[in-house]
């Protein structure tokens, strides 16, 4: 498949390729458009649209920033995109209806949640082949996130009120923790000792003691909270609220909401820039990305993308 540039081919295409190797870029999959928008985070402008499958959803970038992995639900595949060329270079067969994708911090694994088969697929980032999969107790798994030390994976499932814990070395589920109905977004504090899980139906964020495997606090967020992102210093947690068109900001020292930021309609998954200065929020019903300035905790730009954006990853 070819990359489609909004500004044409030739010289502009070469310029985009050069920039992709030097500037931080945000990548936004849009389910109904079948595209991934490429945003220059310096100018906050879309500089390229990449056609990927027919319903791209989850995405992750390899540790060294060379490859973007994107799940496509109808084809049951994980697409590989060369980030220097901004072109598809391969496909990996997955289980039915793949959704959330993430990369291990140690660079060894890419994982993708398959909803229909209730499993997490582990793909070697070296060989780009599926090595094993782990069945989860929660039905319809959506997100699977590595701990900072890459030793465990926490999985959320839409048809559950628990999160599942996978031991990577043992290659199996080793426990579960009860949270609220329909857990979705997951994020760890930098030290890996605490995780935050947004439960959509419960409209509640559950603060998890990772070592003790228990909930230590419940924080009421906005209606239908789902996406979770954490500031680089671990002081703030950002929660997208699907029905409120807002992002709640939680202070991790008190685990209380300290601010609510209006964004576009149906905010979903989010991504931070590498310097931690900006947060990008995918707005599924506004067909846009809201850019939040972290220092001032306010939206500084709204960027038009494809139809029904699902999430954001920045590298």
C-alpha atoms as a PDB file:
ATOM      1  CA  UNK A   1       0.000   0.000   0.000  1.00  0.00           C
ATOM      2  CA  UNK A   2       1.208   3.486  -0.753  1.00  0.00           C
ATOM      3  CA  UNK A   3       1.506   6.440   1.571  1.00  0.00           C
ATOM      4  CA  UNK A   4      -0.825   9.282   0.580  1.00  0.00           C
ATOM      5  CA  UNK A   5       0.541  12.737   1.281  1.00  0.00           C
ATOM      6  CA  UNK A   6      -1.777  15.668   1.762  1.00  0.00           C
ATOM      7  CA  UNK A   7       0.771  17.861   0.022  1.00  0.00           C
ATOM      8  CA  UNK A   8       1.710  15.630  -2.913  1.00  0.00           C
ATOM      9  CA  UNK A   9       4.734  13.508  -3.686  1.00  0.00           C
ATOM     10  CA  UNK A  10       8.292  14.167  -4.843  1.00  0.00           C
ATOM     11  CA  UNK A  11      10.171  16.804  -2.856  1.00  0.00           C
ATOM     12  CA  UNK A  12       7.556  16.968  -0.090  1.00  0.00           C
ATOM     13  CA  UNK A  13       7.632  13.205   0.318  1.00  0.00           C
ATOM     14  CA  UNK A  14      11.410  13.307   0.744  1.00  0.00           C
ATOM     15  CA  UNK A  15      11.097  16.136   3.248  1.00  0.00           C
ATOM     16  CA  UNK A  16       8.555  14.169   5.286  1.00  0.00           C
ATOM     17  CA  UNK A  17      10.856  11.151   5.367  1.00  0.00           C
ATOM     18  CA  UNK A  18      13.753  13.294   6.577  1.00  0.00           C
ATOM     19  CA  UNK A  19      11.639  14.915   9.275  1.00  0.00           C
ATOM     20  CA  UNK A  20      10.332  11.551  10.461  1.00  0.00           C
ATOM     21  CA  UNK A  21      13.846  10.661  11.535  1.00  0.00           C
ATOM     22  CA  UNK A  22      14.464  13.849  13.529  1.00  0.00           C
ATOM     23  CA  UNK A  23      11.241  15.312  14.947  1.00  0.00           C
ATOM     24  CA  UNK A  24       8.861  13.750  17.488  1.00  0.00           C
ATOM     25  CA  UNK A  25       5.759  12.605  15.616  1.00  0.00           C
ATOM     26  CA  UNK A  26       2.309  11.555  16.784  1.00  0.00           C
ATOM     27  CA  UNK A  27       0.563   8.695  14.975  1.00  0.00           C
ATOM     28  CA  UNK A  28      -3.246   8.525  15.088  1.00  0.00           C
ATOM     29  CA  UNK A  29      -5.257   5.552  13.722  1.00  0.00           C
ATOM     30  CA  UNK A  30      -8.777   6.343  12.479  1.00  0.00           C
ATOM     31  CA  UNK A  31     -11.128   3.362  12.410  1.00  0.00           C
ATOM     32  CA  UNK A  32     -13.627   4.534   9.800  1.00  0.00           C
ATOM     33  CA  UNK A  33     -11.080   6.135   7.481  1.00  0.00           C
ATOM     34  CA  UNK A  34      -8.676   3.195   7.501  1.00  0.00           C
ATOM     35  CA  UNK A  35      -5.755   5.586   7.907  1.00  0.00           C
ATOM     36  CA  UNK A  36      -3.031   6.619  10.324  1.00  0.00           C
ATOM     37  CA  UNK A  37      -2.458  10.376  10.514  1.00  0.00           C
ATOM     38  CA  UNK A  38       1.126  11.544  11.068  1.00  0.00           C
ATOM     39  CA  UNK A  39       1.379  14.744  13.119  1.00  0.00           C
ATOM     40  CA  UNK A  40       4.510  16.857  13.473  1.00  0.00           C
ATOM     41  CA  UNK A  41       4.429  17.655  17.203  1.00  0.00           C
ATOM     42  CA  UNK A  42       6.556  20.756  16.686  1.00  0.00           C
ATOM     43  CA  UNK A  43       4.042  22.426  14.362  1.00  0.00           C
ATOM     44  CA  UNK A  44       0.981  20.366  15.365  1.00  0.00           C
ATOM     45  CA  UNK A  45       0.071  19.806  11.737  1.00  0.00           C
ATOM     46  CA  UNK A  46      -0.827  16.591   9.896  1.00  0.00           C
ATOM     47  CA  UNK A  47       1.889  16.047   7.314  1.00  0.00           C
ATOM     48  CA  UNK A  48       0.919  12.596   6.038  1.00  0.00           C
ATOM     49  CA  UNK A  49      -1.883  10.034   5.928  1.00  0.00           C
ATOM     50  CA  UNK A  50      -0.942   6.350   5.674  1.00  0.00           C
ATOM     51  CA  UNK A  51      -3.590   3.928   4.377  1.00  0.00           C
ATOM     52  CA  UNK A  52      -3.607   0.866   6.661  1.00  0.00           C
ATOM     53  CA  UNK A  53      -6.206  -1.916   6.392  1.00  0.00           C
ATOM     54  CA  UNK A  54      -9.844  -0.987   6.801  1.00  0.00           C
ATOM     55  CA  UNK A  55     -10.192  -0.506  10.575  1.00  0.00           C
ATOM     56  CA  UNK A  56      -6.877   0.316  12.301  1.00  0.00           C
ATOM     57  CA  UNK A  57      -7.070   0.563  16.068  1.00  0.00           C
ATOM     58  CA  UNK A  58      -4.216  -0.270  18.459  1.00  0.00           C
ATOM     59  CA  UNK A  59      -0.679   0.857  17.730  1.00  0.00           C
ATOM     60  CA  UNK A  60       2.788   0.847  19.278  1.00  0.00           C
ATOM     61  CA  UNK A  61       6.317   1.809  18.265  1.00  0.00           C
ATOM     62  CA  UNK A  62       9.395  -0.377  18.661  1.00  0.00           C
ATOM     63  CA  UNK A  63      11.910   0.650  21.312  1.00  0.00           C
ATOM     64  CA  UNK A  64      14.287   2.355  18.900  1.00  0.00           C
ATOM     65  CA  UNK A  65      11.589   4.063  16.873  1.00  0.00           C
ATOM     66  CA  UNK A  66      12.106   2.262  13.588  1.00  0.00           C
ATOM     67  CA  UNK A  67       8.793   0.416  13.292  1.00  0.00           C
ATOM     68  CA  UNK A  68       5.151   1.260  13.934  1.00  0.00           C
ATOM     69  CA  UNK A  69       2.838  -1.699  14.614  1.00  0.00           C
ATOM     70  CA  UNK A  70      -0.890  -1.220  13.881  1.00  0.00           C
ATOM     71  CA  UNK A  71      -3.706  -3.719  14.474  1.00  0.00           C
ATOM     72  CA  UNK A  72      -6.443  -4.052  11.854  1.00  0.00           C
ATOM     73  CA  UNK A  73      -9.667  -5.645  13.086  1.00  0.00           C
ATOM     74  CA  UNK A  74     -11.265  -7.040   9.886  1.00  0.00           C
ATOM     75  CA  UNK A  75      -8.086  -8.648   8.520  1.00  0.00           C
ATOM     76  CA  UNK A  76      -6.991 -10.024  11.930  1.00  0.00           C
ATOM     77  CA  UNK A  77      -3.491  -8.693  11.232  1.00  0.00           C
ATOM     78  CA  UNK A  78      -0.781  -6.525  12.701  1.00  0.00           C
ATOM     79  CA  UNK A  79       0.737  -4.212  10.082  1.00  0.00           C
ATOM     80  CA  UNK A  80       4.385  -3.149  10.205  1.00  0.00           C
ATOM     81  CA  UNK A  81       5.197   0.382   9.095  1.00  0.00           C
ATOM     82  CA  UNK A  82       8.745   1.580   8.421  1.00  0.00           C
ATOM     83  CA  UNK A  83       8.885   4.998  10.120  1.00  0.00           C
ATOM     84  CA  UNK A  84      11.742   6.249   7.962  1.00  0.00           C
ATOM     85  CA  UNK A  85       9.812   5.551   4.763  1.00  0.00           C
ATOM     86  CA  UNK A  86       6.317   5.859   6.257  1.00  0.00           C
ATOM     87  CA  UNK A  87       5.335   2.758   4.297  1.00  0.00           C
ATOM     88  CA  UNK A  88       3.940  -0.687   5.155  1.00  0.00           C
ATOM     89  CA  UNK A  89       6.649  -3.343   5.080  1.00  0.00           C
ATOM     90  CA  UNK A  90       4.898  -6.448   6.383  1.00  0.00           C
ATOM     91  CA  UNK A  91       1.925  -8.132   8.062  1.00  0.00           C
ATOM     92  CA  UNK A  92       1.644 -10.494  11.032  1.00  0.00           C
ATOM     93  CA  UNK A  93      -1.329 -12.849  11.447  1.00  0.00           C
ATOM     94  CA  UNK A  94      -3.154 -12.481  14.783  1.00  0.00           C
ATOM     95  CA  UNK A  95      -6.268 -13.825  16.463  1.00  0.00           C
ATOM     96  CA  UNK A  96      -9.677 -12.503  15.537  1.00  0.00           C
ATOM     97  CA  UNK A  97     -10.562  -8.860  16.183  1.00  0.00           C
ATOM     98  CA  UNK A  98      -7.211  -7.472  17.402  1.00  0.00           C
ATOM     99  CA  UNK A  99      -7.352  -4.211  19.311  1.00  0.00           C
ATOM    100  CA  UNK A 100      -4.847  -2.789  21.817  1.00  0.00           C
ATOM    101  CA  UNK A 101      -1.130  -2.995  20.964  1.00  0.00           C
ATOM    102  CA  UNK A 102       1.875  -2.163  23.145  1.00  0.00           C
ATOM    103  CA  UNK A 103       5.655  -2.570  23.173  1.00  0.00           C
ATOM    104  CA  UNK A 104       7.758  -3.874  26.056  1.00  0.00           C
ATOM    105  CA  UNK A 105      10.165  -1.303  27.537  1.00  0.00           C
ATOM    106  CA  UNK A 106      13.043  -3.787  27.184  1.00  0.00           C
ATOM    107  CA  UNK A 107      12.468  -3.906  23.428  1.00  0.00           C
ATOM    108  CA  UNK A 108      11.839  -7.661  23.221  1.00  0.00           C
ATOM    109  CA  UNK A 109       8.093  -7.860  22.630  1.00  0.00           C
ATOM    110  CA  UNK A 110       5.135  -6.368  20.828  1.00  0.00           C
ATOM    111  CA  UNK A 111       1.791  -7.555  22.194  1.00  0.00           C
ATOM    112  CA  UNK A 112      -1.699  -7.361  20.713  1.00  0.00           C
ATOM    113  CA  UNK A 113      -5.019  -8.161  22.395  1.00  0.00           C
ATOM    114  CA  UNK A 114      -7.412 -10.326  20.359  1.00  0.00           C
ATOM    115  CA  UNK A 115     -10.981  -9.792  21.508  1.00  0.00           C
ATOM    116  CA  UNK A 116     -12.743 -12.797  19.981  1.00  0.00           C
ATOM    117  CA  UNK A 117     -10.149 -15.376  21.068  1.00  0.00           C
ATOM    118  CA  UNK A 118      -9.710 -13.804  24.545  1.00  0.00           C
ATOM    119  CA  UNK A 119      -5.947 -13.871  24.195  1.00  0.00           C
ATOM    120  CA  UNK A 120      -2.814 -11.734  24.209  1.00  0.00           C
ATOM    121  CA  UNK A 121      -0.404 -12.385  21.342  1.00  0.00           C
ATOM    122  CA  UNK A 122       3.329 -12.001  21.992  1.00  0.00           C
ATOM    123  CA  UNK A 123       5.342 -11.064  18.888  1.00  0.00           C
ATOM    124  CA  UNK A 124       9.137 -11.005  18.882  1.00  0.00           C
ATOM    125  CA  UNK A 125      10.337  -7.548  17.874  1.00  0.00           C
ATOM    126  CA  UNK A 126      13.475  -9.229  16.461  1.00  0.00           C
ATOM    127  CA  UNK A 127      11.851 -11.806  14.187  1.00  0.00           C
ATOM    128  CA  UNK A 128       8.430 -10.118  13.858  1.00  0.00           C
ATOM    129  CA  UNK A 129       6.792 -13.508  14.356  1.00  0.00           C
ATOM    130  CA  UNK A 130       4.188 -14.549  16.916  1.00  0.00           C
ATOM    131  CA  UNK A 131       5.975 -16.648  19.552  1.00  0.00           C
ATOM    132  CA  UNK A 132       3.118 -17.483  21.921  1.00  0.00           C
ATOM    133  CA  UNK A 133      -0.275 -16.316  23.140  1.00  0.00           C
ATOM    134  CA  UNK A 134      -1.856 -16.270  26.601  1.00  0.00           C
ATOM    135  CA  UNK A 135      -5.550 -16.857  27.230  1.00  0.00           C
ATOM    136  CA  UNK A 136      -7.192 -14.414  29.629  1.00  0.00           C
ATOM    137  CA  UNK A 137     -10.158 -14.945  31.928  1.00  0.00           C
ATOM    138  CA  UNK A 138     -11.657 -11.569  31.090  1.00  0.00           C
ATOM    139  CA  UNK A 139     -13.744 -11.661  27.925  1.00  0.00           C
ATOM    140  CA  UNK A 140     -13.119  -9.269  25.056  1.00  0.00           C
ATOM    141  CA  UNK A 141      -9.639  -8.021  26.079  1.00  0.00           C
ATOM    142  CA  UNK A 142      -8.955  -4.525  24.786  1.00  0.00           C
ATOM    143  CA  UNK A 143      -5.724  -3.225  26.314  1.00  0.00           C
ATOM    144  CA  UNK A 144      -2.587  -5.025  27.482  1.00  0.00           C
ATOM    145  CA  UNK A 145       0.188  -2.958  29.058  1.00  0.00           C
ATOM    146  CA  UNK A 146       3.698  -3.902  30.192  1.00  0.00           C
ATOM    147  CA  UNK A 147       5.074  -2.896  33.559  1.00  0.00           C
ATOM    148  CA  UNK A 148       8.167  -0.643  33.323  1.00  0.00           C
ATOM    149  CA  UNK A 149      10.443  -3.641  34.004  1.00  0.00           C
ATOM    150  CA  UNK A 150       8.676  -5.673  31.259  1.00  0.00           C
ATOM    151  CA  UNK A 151       8.054  -8.566  33.686  1.00  0.00           C
ATOM    152  CA  UNK A 152       4.272  -8.451  33.873  1.00  0.00           C
ATOM    153  CA  UNK A 153       1.401  -7.425  31.614  1.00  0.00           C
ATOM    154  CA  UNK A 154      -1.905  -6.066  32.886  1.00  0.00           C
ATOM    155  CA  UNK A 155      -4.899  -6.777  30.651  1.00  0.00           C
ATOM    156  CA  UNK A 156      -8.286  -5.053  30.637  1.00  0.00           C
ATOM    157  CA  UNK A 157     -11.355  -6.667  29.076  1.00  0.00           C
ATOM    158  CA  UNK A 158     -14.577  -4.961  28.041  1.00  0.00           C
ATOM    159  CA  UNK A 159     -16.832  -7.791  29.246  1.00  0.00           C
ATOM    160  CA  UNK A 160     -15.375  -8.020  32.756  1.00  0.00           C
ATOM    161  CA  UNK A 161     -15.035  -6.250  36.088  1.00  0.00           C
ATOM    162  CA  UNK A 162     -11.466  -7.445  36.701  1.00  0.00           C
ATOM    163  CA  UNK A 163      -8.022  -6.928  35.236  1.00  0.00           C
ATOM    164  CA  UNK A 164      -5.835  -9.949  34.458  1.00  0.00           C
ATOM    165  CA  UNK A 165      -2.117 -10.247  35.240  1.00  0.00           C
ATOM    166  CA  UNK A 166       0.269 -12.125  32.941  1.00  0.00           C
ATOM    167  CA  UNK A 167       3.740 -13.236  34.034  1.00  0.00           C
ATOM    168  CA  UNK A 168       5.839 -12.800  30.872  1.00  0.00           C
ATOM    169  CA  UNK A 169       8.596 -15.255  31.826  1.00  0.00           C
ATOM    170  CA  UNK A 170       6.089 -17.961  32.795  1.00  0.00           C
ATOM    171  CA  UNK A 171       3.920 -17.196  29.767  1.00  0.00           C
ATOM    172  CA  UNK A 172       0.627 -17.468  31.602  1.00  0.00           C
ATOM    173  CA  UNK A 173      -1.951 -15.580  33.618  1.00  0.00           C
ATOM    174  CA  UNK A 174      -1.028 -15.567  37.301  1.00  0.00           C
ATOM    175  CA  UNK A 175      -3.787 -13.529  38.863  1.00  0.00           C
ATOM    176  CA  UNK A 176      -6.600 -11.015  38.555  1.00  0.00           C
ATOM    177  CA  UNK A 177      -7.804  -7.963  40.466  1.00  0.00           C
ATOM    178  CA  UNK A 178     -11.420  -6.885  40.803  1.00  0.00           C
ATOM    179  CA  UNK A 179     -12.123  -3.344  39.617  1.00  0.00           C
ATOM    180  CA  UNK A 180     -15.268  -1.774  38.109  1.00  0.00           C
ATOM    181  CA  UNK A 181     -17.322  -2.790  35.088  1.00  0.00           C
ATOM    182  CA  UNK A 182     -15.611  -2.575  31.699  1.00  0.00           C
ATOM    183  CA  UNK A 183     -11.998  -1.726  32.561  1.00  0.00           C
ATOM    184  CA  UNK A 184     -10.234   0.002  29.667  1.00  0.00           C
ATOM    185  CA  UNK A 185      -7.138   2.207  29.832  1.00  0.00           C
ATOM    186  CA  UNK A 186      -4.123   1.164  31.942  1.00  0.00           C
ATOM    187  CA  UNK A 187      -0.929   3.011  32.865  1.00  0.00           C
ATOM    188  CA  UNK A 188       1.899   2.471  35.356  1.00  0.00           C
ATOM    189  CA  UNK A 189       3.742   5.031  37.444  1.00  0.00           C
ATOM    190  CA  UNK A 190       7.432   5.185  36.417  1.00  0.00           C
ATOM    191  CA  UNK A 191       8.518   3.075  39.413  1.00  0.00           C
ATOM    192  CA  UNK A 192       6.142   0.281  38.374  1.00  0.00           C
ATOM    193  CA  UNK A 193       4.701  -0.073  41.872  1.00  0.00           C
ATOM    194  CA  UNK A 194       1.353   1.554  41.137  1.00  0.00           C
ATOM    195  CA  UNK A 195      -0.992   1.294  38.162  1.00  0.00           C
ATOM    196  CA  UNK A 196      -4.120   3.245  37.235  1.00  0.00           C
ATOM    197  CA  UNK A 197      -7.071   1.550  35.518  1.00  0.00           C
ATOM    198  CA  UNK A 198     -10.106   3.387  34.132  1.00  0.00           C
ATOM    199  CA  UNK A 199     -13.386   1.441  34.319  1.00  0.00           C
ATOM    200  CA  UNK A 200     -15.804   2.874  31.792  1.00  0.00           C
ATOM    201  CA  UNK A 201     -19.215   1.758  33.071  1.00  0.00           C
ATOM    202  CA  UNK A 202     -18.239   2.486  36.679  1.00  0.00           C
ATOM    203  CA  UNK A 203     -16.864   5.916  35.647  1.00  0.00           C
ATOM    204  CA  UNK A 204     -14.156   5.262  38.222  1.00  0.00           C
ATOM    205  CA  UNK A 205     -10.358   5.062  38.192  1.00  0.00           C
ATOM    206  CA  UNK A 206      -8.889   2.263  40.295  1.00  0.00           C
ATOM    207  CA  UNK A 207      -5.452   2.785  41.846  1.00  0.00           C
ATOM    208  CA  UNK A 208      -3.650  -0.562  41.963  1.00  0.00           C
ATOM    209  CA  UNK A 209      -0.872  -1.726  44.294  1.00  0.00           C
ATOM    210  CA  UNK A 210       0.988  -3.813  41.711  1.00  0.00           C
ATOM    211  CA  UNK A 211       3.083  -5.838  44.163  1.00  0.00           C
ATOM    212  CA  UNK A 212       0.213  -6.470  46.575  1.00  0.00           C
ATOM    213  CA  UNK A 213      -2.212  -7.030  43.679  1.00  0.00           C
ATOM    214  CA  UNK A 214      -5.005  -5.023  45.244  1.00  0.00           C
ATOM    215  CA  UNK A 215      -6.973  -1.811  44.819  1.00  0.00           C
ATOM    216  CA  UNK A 216      -5.762   0.878  47.206  1.00  0.00           C
ATOM    217  CA  UNK A 217      -8.090   3.700  46.147  1.00  0.00           C
ATOM    218  CA  UNK A 218     -11.050   4.479  43.905  1.00  0.00           C
ATOM    219  CA  UNK A 219     -11.204   7.893  42.217  1.00  0.00           C
ATOM    220  CA  UNK A 220     -14.433   9.123  40.607  1.00  0.00           C
ATOM    221  CA  UNK A 221     -13.687  10.520  37.177  1.00  0.00           C
ATOM    222  CA  UNK A 222     -16.017  11.818  34.460  1.00  0.00           C
ATOM    223  CA  UNK A 223     -18.721   9.793  32.740  1.00  0.00           C
ATOM    224  CA  UNK A 224     -17.458   6.741  30.839  1.00  0.00           C
ATOM    225  CA  UNK A 225     -13.771   7.240  31.620  1.00  0.00           C
ATOM    226  CA  UNK A 226     -11.508   5.122  29.428  1.00  0.00           C
ATOM    227  CA  UNK A 227      -8.043   6.361  28.365  1.00  0.00           C
ATOM    228  CA  UNK A 228      -5.155   6.719  30.835  1.00  0.00           C
ATOM    229  CA  UNK A 229      -1.815   8.527  30.493  1.00  0.00           C
ATOM    230  CA  UNK A 230       0.765   9.490  33.121  1.00  0.00           C
ATOM    231  CA  UNK A 231       3.177  12.433  33.126  1.00  0.00           C
ATOM    232  CA  UNK A 232       6.866  11.622  32.810  1.00  0.00           C
ATOM    233  CA  UNK A 233       7.557  12.628  36.415  1.00  0.00           C
ATOM    234  CA  UNK A 234       4.675  10.470  37.650  1.00  0.00           C
ATOM    235  CA  UNK A 235       2.966  13.378  39.385  1.00  0.00           C
ATOM    236  CA  UNK A 236      -0.150  13.588  37.206  1.00  0.00           C
ATOM    237  CA  UNK A 237      -2.539  11.032  35.720  1.00  0.00           C
ATOM    238  CA  UNK A 238      -4.736  12.003  32.780  1.00  0.00           C
ATOM    239  CA  UNK A 239      -8.099  10.279  32.259  1.00  0.00           C
ATOM    240  CA  UNK A 240     -10.260  10.749  29.162  1.00  0.00           C
ATOM    241  CA  UNK A 241     -14.009  10.869  29.815  1.00  0.00           C
ATOM    242  CA  UNK A 242     -15.978   9.614  26.822  1.00  0.00           C
ATOM    243  CA  UNK A 243     -19.413  11.048  27.591  1.00  0.00           C
ATOM    244  CA  UNK A 244     -18.204  14.293  29.166  1.00  0.00           C
ATOM    245  CA  UNK A 245     -15.834  15.375  26.369  1.00  0.00           C
ATOM    246  CA  UNK A 246     -13.167  16.062  28.950  1.00  0.00           C
ATOM    247  CA  UNK A 247      -9.889  14.925  30.497  1.00  0.00           C
ATOM    248  CA  UNK A 248      -9.630  14.601  34.274  1.00  0.00           C
ATOM    249  CA  UNK A 249      -6.277  15.345  35.917  1.00  0.00           C
ATOM    250  CA  UNK A 250      -5.401  13.317  39.033  1.00  0.00           C
ATOM    251  CA  UNK A 251      -2.642  14.372  41.436  1.00  0.00           C
ATOM    252  CA  UNK A 252      -0.822  11.147  42.365  1.00  0.00           C
ATOM    253  CA  UNK A 253       0.235  12.543  45.752  1.00  0.00           C
ATOM    254  CA  UNK A 254      -3.396  12.757  46.896  1.00  0.00           C
ATOM    255  CA  UNK A 255      -5.107  10.614  44.248  1.00  0.00           C
ATOM    256  CA  UNK A 256      -7.714  13.320  43.826  1.00  0.00           C
ATOM    257  CA  UNK A 257      -8.959  15.032  40.659  1.00  0.00           C
ATOM    258  CA  UNK A 258      -7.421  18.513  40.603  1.00  0.00           C
ATOM    259  CA  UNK A 259      -8.635  19.744  37.223  1.00  0.00           C
ATOM    260  CA  UNK A 260     -10.992  18.881  34.369  1.00  0.00           C
ATOM    261  CA  UNK A 261     -10.029  19.959  30.841  1.00  0.00           C
ATOM    262  CA  UNK A 262     -12.673  20.212  28.057  1.00  0.00           C
ATOM    263  CA  UNK A 263     -11.639  18.466  24.824  1.00  0.00           C
ATOM    264  CA  UNK A 264     -13.410  17.112  21.712  1.00  0.00           C
ATOM    265  CA  UNK A 265     -16.320  14.660  21.614  1.00  0.00           C
ATOM    266  CA  UNK A 266     -15.763  11.048  22.720  1.00  0.00           C
ATOM    267  CA  UNK A 267     -12.132  11.366  23.863  1.00  0.00           C
ATOM    268  CA  UNK A 268     -10.458   7.994  23.790  1.00  0.00           C
ATOM    269  CA  UNK A 269      -6.796   7.005  24.043  1.00  0.00           C
ATOM    270  CA  UNK A 270      -3.927   9.464  24.514  1.00  0.00           C
ATOM    271  CA  UNK A 271      -0.187   9.923  24.077  1.00  0.00           C
ATOM    272  CA  UNK A 272       2.528  12.155  25.573  1.00  0.00           C
ATOM    273  CA  UNK A 273       5.434  13.747  23.727  1.00  0.00           C
ATOM    274  CA  UNK A 274       8.891  12.395  24.703  1.00  0.00           C
ATOM    275  CA  UNK A 275       9.685  15.629  26.567  1.00  0.00           C
ATOM    276  CA  UNK A 276       6.441  15.336  28.523  1.00  0.00           C
ATOM    277  CA  UNK A 277       5.277  18.826  27.566  1.00  0.00           C
ATOM    278  CA  UNK A 278       2.202  17.969  25.501  1.00  0.00           C
ATOM    279  CA  UNK A 279      -0.582  15.409  25.663  1.00  0.00           C
ATOM    280  CA  UNK A 280      -2.447  14.347  22.507  1.00  0.00           C
ATOM    281  CA  UNK A 281      -6.052  13.156  22.938  1.00  0.00           C
ATOM    282  CA  UNK A 282      -7.915  11.258  20.189  1.00  0.00           C
ATOM    283  CA  UNK A 283     -11.529  12.464  19.938  1.00  0.00           C
ATOM    284  CA  UNK A 284     -13.557   9.692  18.311  1.00  0.00           C
ATOM    285  CA  UNK A 285     -16.681  11.692  17.482  1.00  0.00           C
ATOM    286  CA  UNK A 286     -15.003  15.006  16.676  1.00  0.00           C
ATOM    287  CA  UNK A 287     -12.565  13.430  14.205  1.00  0.00           C
ATOM    288  CA  UNK A 288      -9.825  15.410  15.858  1.00  0.00           C
ATOM    289  CA  UNK A 289      -6.925  15.383  18.292  1.00  0.00           C
ATOM    290  CA  UNK A 290      -6.860  17.850  21.197  1.00  0.00           C
ATOM    291  CA  UNK A 291      -3.374  19.033  22.194  1.00  0.00           C
ATOM    292  CA  UNK A 292      -3.008  19.772  25.914  1.00  0.00           C
ATOM    293  CA  UNK A 293      -0.174  21.885  27.281  1.00  0.00           C
ATOM    294  CA  UNK A 294       0.964  20.002  30.398  1.00  0.00           C
ATOM    295  CA  UNK A 295       2.427  23.002  32.222  1.00  0.00           C
ATOM    296  CA  UNK A 296      -0.757  25.081  31.998  1.00  0.00           C
ATOM    297  CA  UNK A 297      -3.199  22.148  31.744  1.00  0.00           C
ATOM    298  CA  UNK A 298      -5.157  23.647  28.869  1.00  0.00           C
ATOM    299  CA  UNK A 299      -5.914  22.810  25.238  1.00  0.00           C
ATOM    300  CA  UNK A 300      -3.695  24.759  22.867  1.00  0.00           C
ATOM    301  CA  UNK A 301      -4.769  23.257  19.542  1.00  0.00           C
ATOM    302  CA  UNK A 302      -7.361  21.054  17.865  1.00  0.00           C
ATOM    303  CA  UNK A 303      -6.051  19.014  14.919  1.00  0.00           C
ATOM    304  CA  UNK A 304      -8.369  17.499  12.284  1.00  0.00           C
ATOM    305  CA  UNK A 305      -7.557  13.843  11.516  1.00  0.00           C
ATOM    306  CA  UNK A 306      -9.425  10.896   9.962  1.00  0.00           C
ATOM    307  CA  UNK A 307     -12.889   9.643  10.868  1.00  0.00           C
ATOM    308  CA  UNK A 308     -13.242   8.071  14.331  1.00  0.00           C
ATOM    309  CA  UNK A 309      -9.678   8.296  15.702  1.00  0.00           C
ATOM    310  CA  UNK A 310      -8.948   5.514  18.213  1.00  0.00           C
ATOM    311  CA  UNK A 311      -5.714   6.546  19.931  1.00  0.00           C
ATOM    312  CA  UNK A 312      -2.292   8.177  19.781  1.00  0.00           C
ATOM    313  CA  UNK A 313       1.300   7.052  20.059  1.00  0.00           C
ATOM    314  CA  UNK A 314       4.186   9.541  20.004  1.00  0.00           C
ATOM    315  CA  UNK A 315       7.857   8.931  19.280  1.00  0.00           C
END
